[in-house]
Amino acid sequence: MKPLKFLWALAILAISTSAAIAQDAEQIIDNYLETIGGVDNWNKLTGIKFIGKGIQQGQEFPGYMIMLKDGRQIQAYDIQGKTMKDNVFDGNTLWSTNFQNLKAEKASSEQTNNFKLDANDFPDPFLNYKEKGYTLELLGSETIDGVETHKIKLTKEPHTVDGQKVDDVVFYYFDTDSNVPIAMEVELKSGPAKGQMYRTTMSDYQEVEGLYFAFTTTESIGQQEIITIALDAVELNPTVEDALFTFPENEE
């Protein structure tokens, strides 16, 4: 009987440990959402406008990004006097400015469908994550740039890459003291850098009407820094013209 009792004890311990880890992950996210302004306040948002500049190889490009609760989005920035638009989404069509010919081009159906899924993340992927079917997993602690963090694995709806369904997984690193993420990573599923980790680091959190945003983000692949985004201002619930998101049909 002793072996049987021992096995039962191990099983109970494993279940208890698993439940504790799940609870810890949920508590970390609950603390995070409370720290940045509270679930109720974030749920009231209908849109956000980020105004700032991109910094790449010593050059600065002023621009803005607008995200709306209904899924519409636009990124625009000025390069050498020309306005470039990227990931413009009107709810159905996803398009960007081609850097070579400066004309608007529609994205593929696969890219568009994946973008529609990502629209669920407004204004934060952790907001109402259970209702969206997302799951959390606490992977332990890790030191990032000298800061002790909790590593959280967030699994969202699968995306389609080259016709195949793949898990959409993002790893977040939450500062154990401040309760906010200082980095996030995703594995690139296609392109020349396929298999490498794409990292975004976040810093300089500032308060805007009771909500907190990272005013500086840096994106990199492996050890190669791609771009730094430095915000000057964040506008909540901006008034936006519908035409801003519309694909210019005459440019096809």
C-alpha atoms as a PDB file:
ATOM      1  CA  MET A   1       0.000   0.000   0.000  1.00  0.00           C
ATOM      2  CA  LYS A   2       2.847   2.391   0.665  1.00  0.00           C
ATOM      3  CA  PRO A   3       3.843   2.685  -3.020  1.00  0.00           C
ATOM      4  CA  LEU A   4       0.216   3.420  -3.950  1.00  0.00           C
ATOM      5  CA  LYS A   5      -0.110   6.065  -1.253  1.00  0.00           C
ATOM      6  CA  PHE A   6       3.199   7.540  -2.366  1.00  0.00           C
ATOM      7  CA  LEU A   7       2.010   7.765  -5.989  1.00  0.00           C
ATOM      8  CA  TRP A   8      -1.225   9.407  -4.884  1.00  0.00           C
ATOM      9  CA  ALA A   9       0.766  11.912  -2.850  1.00  0.00           C
ATOM     10  CA  LEU A  10       2.939  12.716  -5.848  1.00  0.00           C
ATOM     11  CA  ALA A  11      -0.132  13.165  -8.045  1.00  0.00           C
ATOM     12  CA  ILE A  12      -1.770  15.510  -5.551  1.00  0.00           C
ATOM     13  CA  LEU A  13       1.467  17.477  -5.188  1.00  0.00           C
ATOM     14  CA  ALA A  14       1.786  17.804  -8.970  1.00  0.00           C
ATOM     15  CA  ILE A  15      -1.802  19.048  -9.295  1.00  0.00           C
ATOM     16  CA  SER A  16      -1.350  21.501  -6.432  1.00  0.00           C
ATOM     17  CA  THR A  17       1.910  22.804  -7.873  1.00  0.00           C
ATOM     18  CA  SER A  18       0.359  23.226 -11.320  1.00  0.00           C
ATOM     19  CA  ALA A  19      -2.584  25.142  -9.859  1.00  0.00           C
ATOM     20  CA  ALA A  20      -0.240  27.363  -7.855  1.00  0.00           C
ATOM     21  CA  ILE A  21       1.822  28.211 -10.936  1.00  0.00           C
ATOM     22  CA  ALA A  22      -1.323  29.025 -12.930  1.00  0.00           C
ATOM     23  CA  GLN A  23      -2.550  31.212 -10.092  1.00  0.00           C
ATOM     24  CA  ASP A  24       0.806  32.980  -9.947  1.00  0.00           C
ATOM     25  CA  ALA A  25       0.620  33.767 -13.665  1.00  0.00           C
ATOM     26  CA  GLU A  26      -2.884  35.138 -13.287  1.00  0.00           C
ATOM     27  CA  GLN A  27      -1.860  37.197 -10.264  1.00  0.00           C
ATOM     28  CA  ILE A  28       1.085  38.707 -12.146  1.00  0.00           C
ATOM     29  CA  ILE A  29      -1.261  39.831 -14.921  1.00  0.00           C
ATOM     30  CA  ASP A  30      -3.863  41.087 -12.443  1.00  0.00           C
ATOM     31  CA  ASN A  31      -1.154  43.152 -10.714  1.00  0.00           C
ATOM     32  CA  TYR A  32       0.071  44.453 -14.057  1.00  0.00           C
ATOM     33  CA  LEU A  33      -3.378  45.597 -15.229  1.00  0.00           C
ATOM     34  CA  GLU A  34      -4.016  47.277 -11.881  1.00  0.00           C
ATOM     35  CA  THR A  35      -0.610  48.994 -12.010  1.00  0.00           C
ATOM     36  CA  ILE A  36      -1.200  50.504 -15.454  1.00  0.00           C
ATOM     37  CA  GLY A  37      -4.604  51.940 -14.636  1.00  0.00           C
ATOM     38  CA  GLY A  38      -7.144  49.201 -13.968  1.00  0.00           C
ATOM     39  CA  VAL A  39      -9.280  46.966 -16.174  1.00  0.00           C
ATOM     40  CA  ASP A  40     -12.370  49.212 -16.081  1.00  0.00           C
ATOM     41  CA  ASN A  41     -10.465  52.262 -17.290  1.00  0.00           C
ATOM     42  CA  TRP A  42      -8.743  50.381 -20.114  1.00  0.00           C
ATOM     43  CA  ASN A  43     -12.065  48.904 -21.251  1.00  0.00           C
ATOM     44  CA  LYS A  44     -13.462  52.427 -21.673  1.00  0.00           C
ATOM     45  CA  LEU A  45     -10.967  53.289 -24.392  1.00  0.00           C
ATOM     46  CA  THR A  46     -12.245  53.663 -27.953  1.00  0.00           C
ATOM     47  CA  GLY A  47      -8.902  54.597 -29.482  1.00  0.00           C
ATOM     48  CA  ILE A  48      -5.287  55.622 -28.904  1.00  0.00           C
ATOM     49  CA  LYS A  49      -3.001  57.903 -30.923  1.00  0.00           C
ATOM     50  CA  PHE A  50       0.754  57.641 -30.383  1.00  0.00           C
ATOM     51  CA  ILE A  51       2.857  60.588 -31.575  1.00  0.00           C
ATOM     52  CA  GLY A  52       6.637  60.486 -31.710  1.00  0.00           C
ATOM     53  CA  LYS A  53       9.557  59.458 -33.872  1.00  0.00           C
ATOM     54  CA  GLY A  54      11.428  56.434 -35.075  1.00  0.00           C
ATOM     55  CA  ILE A  55      15.204  56.430 -34.639  1.00  0.00           C
ATOM     56  CA  GLN A  56      17.198  54.235 -36.993  1.00  0.00           C
ATOM     57  CA  GLN A  57      20.952  54.385 -37.644  1.00  0.00           C
ATOM     58  CA  GLY A  58      21.127  57.901 -36.236  1.00  0.00           C
ATOM     59  CA  GLN A  59      18.254  59.245 -38.339  1.00  0.00           C
ATOM     60  CA  GLU A  60      14.907  60.360 -36.954  1.00  0.00           C
ATOM     61  CA  PHE A  61      11.537  59.930 -38.644  1.00  0.00           C
ATOM     62  CA  PRO A  62       8.563  61.751 -37.103  1.00  0.00           C
ATOM     63  CA  GLY A  63       5.274  59.921 -37.238  1.00  0.00           C
ATOM     64  CA  TYR A  64       2.201  58.620 -35.494  1.00  0.00           C
ATOM     65  CA  MET A  65       0.162  55.474 -34.942  1.00  0.00           C
ATOM     66  CA  ILE A  66      -3.585  55.224 -34.370  1.00  0.00           C
ATOM     67  CA  MET A  67      -5.343  52.140 -33.006  1.00  0.00           C
ATOM     68  CA  LEU A  68      -9.131  51.981 -32.639  1.00  0.00           C
ATOM     69  CA  LYS A  69     -11.283  49.575 -30.681  1.00  0.00           C
ATOM     70  CA  ASP A  70     -13.111  48.468 -33.838  1.00  0.00           C
ATOM     71  CA  GLY A  71      -9.824  47.143 -35.261  1.00  0.00           C
ATOM     72  CA  ARG A  72      -8.912  50.005 -37.581  1.00  0.00           C
ATOM     73  CA  GLN A  73      -5.288  51.061 -37.455  1.00  0.00           C
ATOM     74  CA  ILE A  74      -2.687  53.177 -39.218  1.00  0.00           C
ATOM     75  CA  GLN A  75       1.025  53.894 -38.886  1.00  0.00           C
ATOM     76  CA  ALA A  76       2.450  56.899 -40.746  1.00  0.00           C
ATOM     77  CA  TYR A  77       5.890  58.476 -40.761  1.00  0.00           C
ATOM     78  CA  ASP A  78       7.836  61.049 -42.775  1.00  0.00           C
ATOM     79  CA  ILE A  79      10.989  60.054 -44.619  1.00  0.00           C
ATOM     80  CA  GLN A  80      12.817  62.737 -46.588  1.00  0.00           C
ATOM     81  CA  GLY A  81       9.663  64.793 -46.939  1.00  0.00           C
ATOM     82  CA  LYS A  82       7.477  61.876 -48.051  1.00  0.00           C
ATOM     83  CA  THR A  83       4.705  60.339 -45.984  1.00  0.00           C
ATOM     84  CA  MET A  84       4.892  56.555 -45.732  1.00  0.00           C
ATOM     85  CA  LYS A  85       1.967  54.546 -44.401  1.00  0.00           C
ATOM     86  CA  ASP A  86       2.263  51.051 -42.959  1.00  0.00           C
ATOM     87  CA  ASN A  87      -0.243  48.467 -41.711  1.00  0.00           C
ATOM     88  CA  VAL A  88      -3.262  50.591 -42.552  1.00  0.00           C
ATOM     89  CA  PHE A  89      -6.418  48.601 -41.823  1.00  0.00           C
ATOM     90  CA  ASP A  90      -9.971  49.790 -42.453  1.00  0.00           C
ATOM     91  CA  GLY A  91     -11.621  46.703 -40.968  1.00  0.00           C
ATOM     92  CA  ASN A  92     -11.441  44.702 -44.182  1.00  0.00           C
ATOM     93  CA  THR A  93      -8.449  45.790 -46.255  1.00  0.00           C
ATOM     94  CA  LEU A  94      -4.845  45.872 -45.038  1.00  0.00           C
ATOM     95  CA  TRP A  95      -2.435  48.039 -47.024  1.00  0.00           C
ATOM     96  CA  SER A  96       0.884  49.903 -46.915  1.00  0.00           C
ATOM     97  CA  THR A  97       2.947  52.320 -48.979  1.00  0.00           C
ATOM     98  CA  ASN A  98       5.493  50.599 -51.217  1.00  0.00           C
ATOM     99  CA  PHE A  99       8.835  52.223 -50.365  1.00  0.00           C
ATOM    100  CA  GLN A 100      10.139  51.798 -53.934  1.00  0.00           C
ATOM    101  CA  ASN A 101       7.309  53.299 -55.999  1.00  0.00           C
ATOM    102  CA  LEU A 102       5.509  55.200 -53.196  1.00  0.00           C
ATOM    103  CA  LYS A 103       2.184  53.630 -54.176  1.00  0.00           C
ATOM    104  CA  ALA A 104      -0.333  51.984 -51.887  1.00  0.00           C
ATOM    105  CA  GLU A 105      -0.374  48.188 -52.055  1.00  0.00           C
ATOM    106  CA  LYS A 106      -2.803  45.708 -50.503  1.00  0.00           C
ATOM    107  CA  ALA A 107      -1.525  42.895 -48.304  1.00  0.00           C
ATOM    108  CA  SER A 108      -2.174  39.228 -49.054  1.00  0.00           C
ATOM    109  CA  SER A 109      -5.306  37.559 -47.722  1.00  0.00           C
ATOM    110  CA  GLU A 110      -3.163  35.565 -45.287  1.00  0.00           C
ATOM    111  CA  GLN A 111      -1.543  38.710 -43.876  1.00  0.00           C
ATOM    112  CA  THR A 112      -4.931  40.412 -43.664  1.00  0.00           C
ATOM    113  CA  ASN A 113      -6.568  37.533 -41.797  1.00  0.00           C
ATOM    114  CA  ASN A 114      -3.685  37.408 -39.303  1.00  0.00           C
ATOM    115  CA  PHE A 115      -3.961  41.158 -38.792  1.00  0.00           C
ATOM    116  CA  LYS A 116      -7.670  40.806 -38.032  1.00  0.00           C
ATOM    117  CA  LEU A 117      -6.796  38.341 -35.270  1.00  0.00           C
ATOM    118  CA  ASP A 118      -4.242  40.785 -33.844  1.00  0.00           C
ATOM    119  CA  ALA A 119      -6.937  43.460 -33.685  1.00  0.00           C
ATOM    120  CA  ASN A 120      -8.310  41.514 -30.698  1.00  0.00           C
ATOM    121  CA  ASP A 121      -5.323  42.798 -28.733  1.00  0.00           C
ATOM    122  CA  PHE A 122      -6.610  46.389 -28.477  1.00  0.00           C
ATOM    123  CA  PRO A 123      -5.683  48.048 -26.225  1.00  0.00           C
ATOM    124  CA  ASP A 124      -3.629  45.348 -24.495  1.00  0.00           C
ATOM    125  CA  PRO A 125      -3.389  41.596 -25.209  1.00  0.00           C
ATOM    126  CA  PHE A 126      -3.788  40.778 -21.505  1.00  0.00           C
ATOM    127  CA  LEU A 127      -7.030  42.708 -21.157  1.00  0.00           C
ATOM    128  CA  ASN A 128      -9.920  40.200 -20.976  1.00  0.00           C
ATOM    129  CA  TYR A 129      -7.521  37.487 -22.158  1.00  0.00           C
ATOM    130  CA  LYS A 130      -9.684  34.657 -20.824  1.00  0.00           C
ATOM    131  CA  GLU A 131     -12.721  35.792 -22.809  1.00  0.00           C
ATOM    132  CA  LYS A 132     -10.535  35.854 -25.925  1.00  0.00           C
ATOM    133  CA  GLY A 133      -9.438  32.274 -25.324  1.00  0.00           C
ATOM    134  CA  TYR A 134      -5.819  33.189 -24.574  1.00  0.00           C
ATOM    135  CA  THR A 135      -3.835  31.150 -22.047  1.00  0.00           C
ATOM    136  CA  LEU A 136      -1.006  32.023 -19.652  1.00  0.00           C
ATOM    137  CA  GLU A 137       1.958  30.059 -18.380  1.00  0.00           C
ATOM    138  CA  LEU A 138       4.564  31.196 -15.880  1.00  0.00           C
ATOM    139  CA  LEU A 139       7.954  29.916 -17.036  1.00  0.00           C
ATOM    140  CA  GLY A 140       9.929  31.076 -14.019  1.00  0.00           C
ATOM    141  CA  SER A 141      12.300  33.967 -13.398  1.00  0.00           C
ATOM    142  CA  GLU A 142      14.881  35.467 -15.710  1.00  0.00           C
ATOM    143  CA  THR A 143      17.259  38.411 -15.477  1.00  0.00           C
ATOM    144  CA  ILE A 144      16.961  40.903 -18.357  1.00  0.00           C
ATOM    145  CA  ASP A 145      19.545  43.695 -18.535  1.00  0.00           C
ATOM    146  CA  GLY A 146      20.162  43.325 -14.812  1.00  0.00           C
ATOM    147  CA  VAL A 147      16.469  43.352 -13.921  1.00  0.00           C
ATOM    148  CA  GLU A 148      14.801  40.329 -12.313  1.00  0.00           C
ATOM    149  CA  THR A 149      11.651  39.395 -14.212  1.00  0.00           C
ATOM    150  CA  HIS A 150       8.803  36.906 -14.334  1.00  0.00           C
ATOM    151  CA  LYS A 151       8.692  35.178 -17.723  1.00  0.00           C
ATOM    152  CA  ILE A 152       5.112  34.715 -18.940  1.00  0.00           C
ATOM    153  CA  LYS A 153       4.129  32.719 -22.014  1.00  0.00           C
ATOM    154  CA  LEU A 154       0.981  34.072 -23.689  1.00  0.00           C
ATOM    155  CA  THR A 155      -0.664  31.800 -26.248  1.00  0.00           C
ATOM    156  CA  LYS A 156      -3.234  33.424 -28.557  1.00  0.00           C
ATOM    157  CA  GLU A 157      -5.260  32.255 -31.585  1.00  0.00           C
ATOM    158  CA  PRO A 158      -3.190  30.359 -34.150  1.00  0.00           C
ATOM    159  CA  HIS A 159      -1.976  32.342 -37.164  1.00  0.00           C
ATOM    160  CA  THR A 160      -1.576  31.084 -40.706  1.00  0.00           C
ATOM    161  CA  VAL A 161       1.943  31.089 -42.179  1.00  0.00           C
ATOM    162  CA  ASP A 162       2.480  29.837 -45.721  1.00  0.00           C
ATOM    163  CA  GLY A 163      -0.895  28.126 -45.573  1.00  0.00           C
ATOM    164  CA  GLN A 164      -0.174  26.301 -42.309  1.00  0.00           C
ATOM    165  CA  LYS A 165      -1.660  26.980 -38.875  1.00  0.00           C
ATOM    166  CA  VAL A 166       1.031  27.873 -36.318  1.00  0.00           C
ATOM    167  CA  ASP A 167       0.813  28.738 -32.637  1.00  0.00           C
ATOM    168  CA  ASP A 168       0.852  32.463 -31.907  1.00  0.00           C
ATOM    169  CA  VAL A 169       3.039  32.602 -28.808  1.00  0.00           C
ATOM    170  CA  VAL A 170       4.538  35.704 -27.179  1.00  0.00           C
ATOM    171  CA  PHE A 171       6.948  35.687 -24.233  1.00  0.00           C
ATOM    172  CA  TYR A 172       6.729  38.620 -21.810  1.00  0.00           C
ATOM    173  CA  TYR A 173       9.216  39.606 -19.111  1.00  0.00           C
ATOM    174  CA  PHE A 174       7.595  41.444 -16.177  1.00  0.00           C
ATOM    175  CA  ASP A 175       9.744  43.461 -13.786  1.00  0.00           C
ATOM    176  CA  THR A 176       9.204  41.834 -10.384  1.00  0.00           C
ATOM    177  CA  ASP A 177       9.302  45.249  -8.661  1.00  0.00           C
ATOM    178  CA  SER A 178       7.279  47.505 -10.969  1.00  0.00           C
ATOM    179  CA  ASN A 179       4.859  44.833 -12.278  1.00  0.00           C
ATOM    180  CA  VAL A 180       5.216  46.069 -15.883  1.00  0.00           C
ATOM    181  CA  PRO A 181       6.795  44.243 -18.850  1.00  0.00           C
ATOM    182  CA  ILE A 182      10.245  45.424 -19.865  1.00  0.00           C
ATOM    183  CA  ALA A 183      10.578  43.081 -22.855  1.00  0.00           C
ATOM    184  CA  MET A 184       8.606  40.765 -25.107  1.00  0.00           C
ATOM    185  CA  GLU A 185       9.749  38.178 -27.662  1.00  0.00           C
ATOM    186  CA  VAL A 186       8.226  36.281 -30.578  1.00  0.00           C
ATOM    187  CA  GLU A 187       9.808  33.690 -32.836  1.00  0.00           C
ATOM    188  CA  LEU A 188       9.824  34.754 -36.481  1.00  0.00           C
ATOM    189  CA  LYS A 189       7.934  32.183 -38.542  1.00  0.00           C
ATOM    190  CA  SER A 190       8.889  33.306 -42.050  1.00  0.00           C
ATOM    191  CA  GLY A 191      11.357  35.417 -44.018  1.00  0.00           C
ATOM    192  CA  PRO A 192      15.173  35.517 -43.976  1.00  0.00           C
ATOM    193  CA  ALA A 193      15.270  35.667 -40.166  1.00  0.00           C
ATOM    194  CA  LYS A 194      12.924  32.702 -39.694  1.00  0.00           C
ATOM    195  CA  GLY A 195      13.582  30.941 -36.389  1.00  0.00           C
ATOM    196  CA  GLN A 196      15.186  33.961 -34.719  1.00  0.00           C
ATOM    197  CA  MET A 197      13.611  35.824 -31.815  1.00  0.00           C
ATOM    198  CA  TYR A 198      12.193  39.291 -32.418  1.00  0.00           C
ATOM    199  CA  ARG A 199      12.483  41.288 -29.204  1.00  0.00           C
ATOM    200  CA  THR A 200      10.830  44.516 -28.137  1.00  0.00           C
ATOM    201  CA  THR A 201      12.122  46.235 -25.014  1.00  0.00           C
ATOM    202  CA  MET A 202       9.946  48.765 -23.195  1.00  0.00           C
ATOM    203  CA  SER A 203      10.942  51.550 -20.820  1.00  0.00           C
ATOM    204  CA  ASP A 204      10.121  55.071 -19.629  1.00  0.00           C
ATOM    205  CA  TYR A 205       6.566  54.342 -18.525  1.00  0.00           C
ATOM    206  CA  GLN A 206       4.546  57.532 -18.184  1.00  0.00           C
ATOM    207  CA  GLU A 207       1.034  58.327 -17.005  1.00  0.00           C
ATOM    208  CA  VAL A 208      -1.590  59.653 -19.439  1.00  0.00           C
ATOM    209  CA  GLU A 209      -4.985  60.444 -17.928  1.00  0.00           C
ATOM    210  CA  GLY A 210      -4.572  57.715 -15.331  1.00  0.00           C
ATOM    211  CA  LEU A 211      -3.213  55.063 -17.709  1.00  0.00           C
ATOM    212  CA  TYR A 212       0.443  54.114 -18.136  1.00  0.00           C
ATOM    213  CA  PHE A 213       2.324  53.638 -21.403  1.00  0.00           C
ATOM    214  CA  ALA A 214       5.921  52.782 -22.305  1.00  0.00           C
ATOM    215  CA  PHE A 215       7.234  55.922 -24.018  1.00  0.00           C
ATOM    216  CA  THR A 216      10.373  54.220 -25.369  1.00  0.00           C
ATOM    217  CA  THR A 217      10.493  50.891 -27.219  1.00  0.00           C
ATOM    218  CA  THR A 218      13.378  49.277 -29.082  1.00  0.00           C
ATOM    219  CA  GLU A 219      12.964  46.435 -31.553  1.00  0.00           C
ATOM    220  CA  SER A 220      15.721  43.997 -32.446  1.00  0.00           C
ATOM    221  CA  ILE A 221      16.385  40.630 -34.080  1.00  0.00           C
ATOM    222  CA  GLY A 222      19.011  38.669 -32.202  1.00  0.00           C
ATOM    223  CA  GLN A 223      21.772  41.170 -31.421  1.00  0.00           C
ATOM    224  CA  GLN A 224      20.827  43.510 -34.267  1.00  0.00           C
ATOM    225  CA  GLU A 225      18.865  46.594 -33.261  1.00  0.00           C
ATOM    226  CA  ILE A 226      16.227  47.507 -35.860  1.00  0.00           C
ATOM    227  CA  ILE A 227      14.555  50.686 -34.617  1.00  0.00           C
ATOM    228  CA  THR A 228      13.762  52.682 -31.485  1.00  0.00           C
ATOM    229  CA  ILE A 229      10.409  54.423 -31.082  1.00  0.00           C
ATOM    230  CA  ALA A 230      10.392  57.454 -28.788  1.00  0.00           C
ATOM    231  CA  LEU A 231       6.971  58.900 -27.985  1.00  0.00           C
ATOM    232  CA  ASP A 232       6.324  62.581 -27.449  1.00  0.00           C
ATOM    233  CA  ALA A 233       2.634  62.258 -26.603  1.00  0.00           C
ATOM    234  CA  VAL A 234      -0.262  59.817 -26.300  1.00  0.00           C
ATOM    235  CA  GLU A 235      -3.830  60.904 -27.056  1.00  0.00           C
ATOM    236  CA  LEU A 236      -6.754  58.876 -25.733  1.00  0.00           C
ATOM    237  CA  ASN A 237     -10.018  58.488 -27.657  1.00  0.00           C
ATOM    238  CA  PRO A 238      -8.917  60.710 -30.576  1.00  0.00           C
ATOM    239  CA  THR A 239     -11.346  61.998 -33.202  1.00  0.00           C
ATOM    240  CA  VAL A 240     -10.398  60.368 -36.506  1.00  0.00           C
ATOM    241  CA  GLU A 241     -11.718  60.754 -40.048  1.00  0.00           C
ATOM    242  CA  ASP A 242     -12.831  57.485 -41.650  1.00  0.00           C
ATOM    243  CA  ALA A 243     -11.063  58.416 -44.887  1.00  0.00           C
ATOM    244  CA  LEU A 244      -7.703  58.123 -43.133  1.00  0.00           C
ATOM    245  CA  PHE A 245      -7.909  54.311 -43.320  1.00  0.00           C
ATOM    246  CA  THR A 246      -9.370  54.015 -46.820  1.00  0.00           C
ATOM    247  CA  PHE A 247      -7.261  52.381 -49.522  1.00  0.00           C
ATOM    248  CA  PRO A 248      -6.603  54.866 -52.375  1.00  0.00           C
ATOM    249  CA  GLU A 249      -8.068  52.864 -55.271  1.00  0.00           C
ATOM    250  CA  ASN A 250      -6.561  55.182 -57.885  1.00  0.00           C
ATOM    251  CA  GLU A 251      -3.070  54.066 -56.820  1.00  0.00           C
ATOM    252  CA  GLU A 252      -3.566  50.412 -57.738  1.00  0.00           C
END
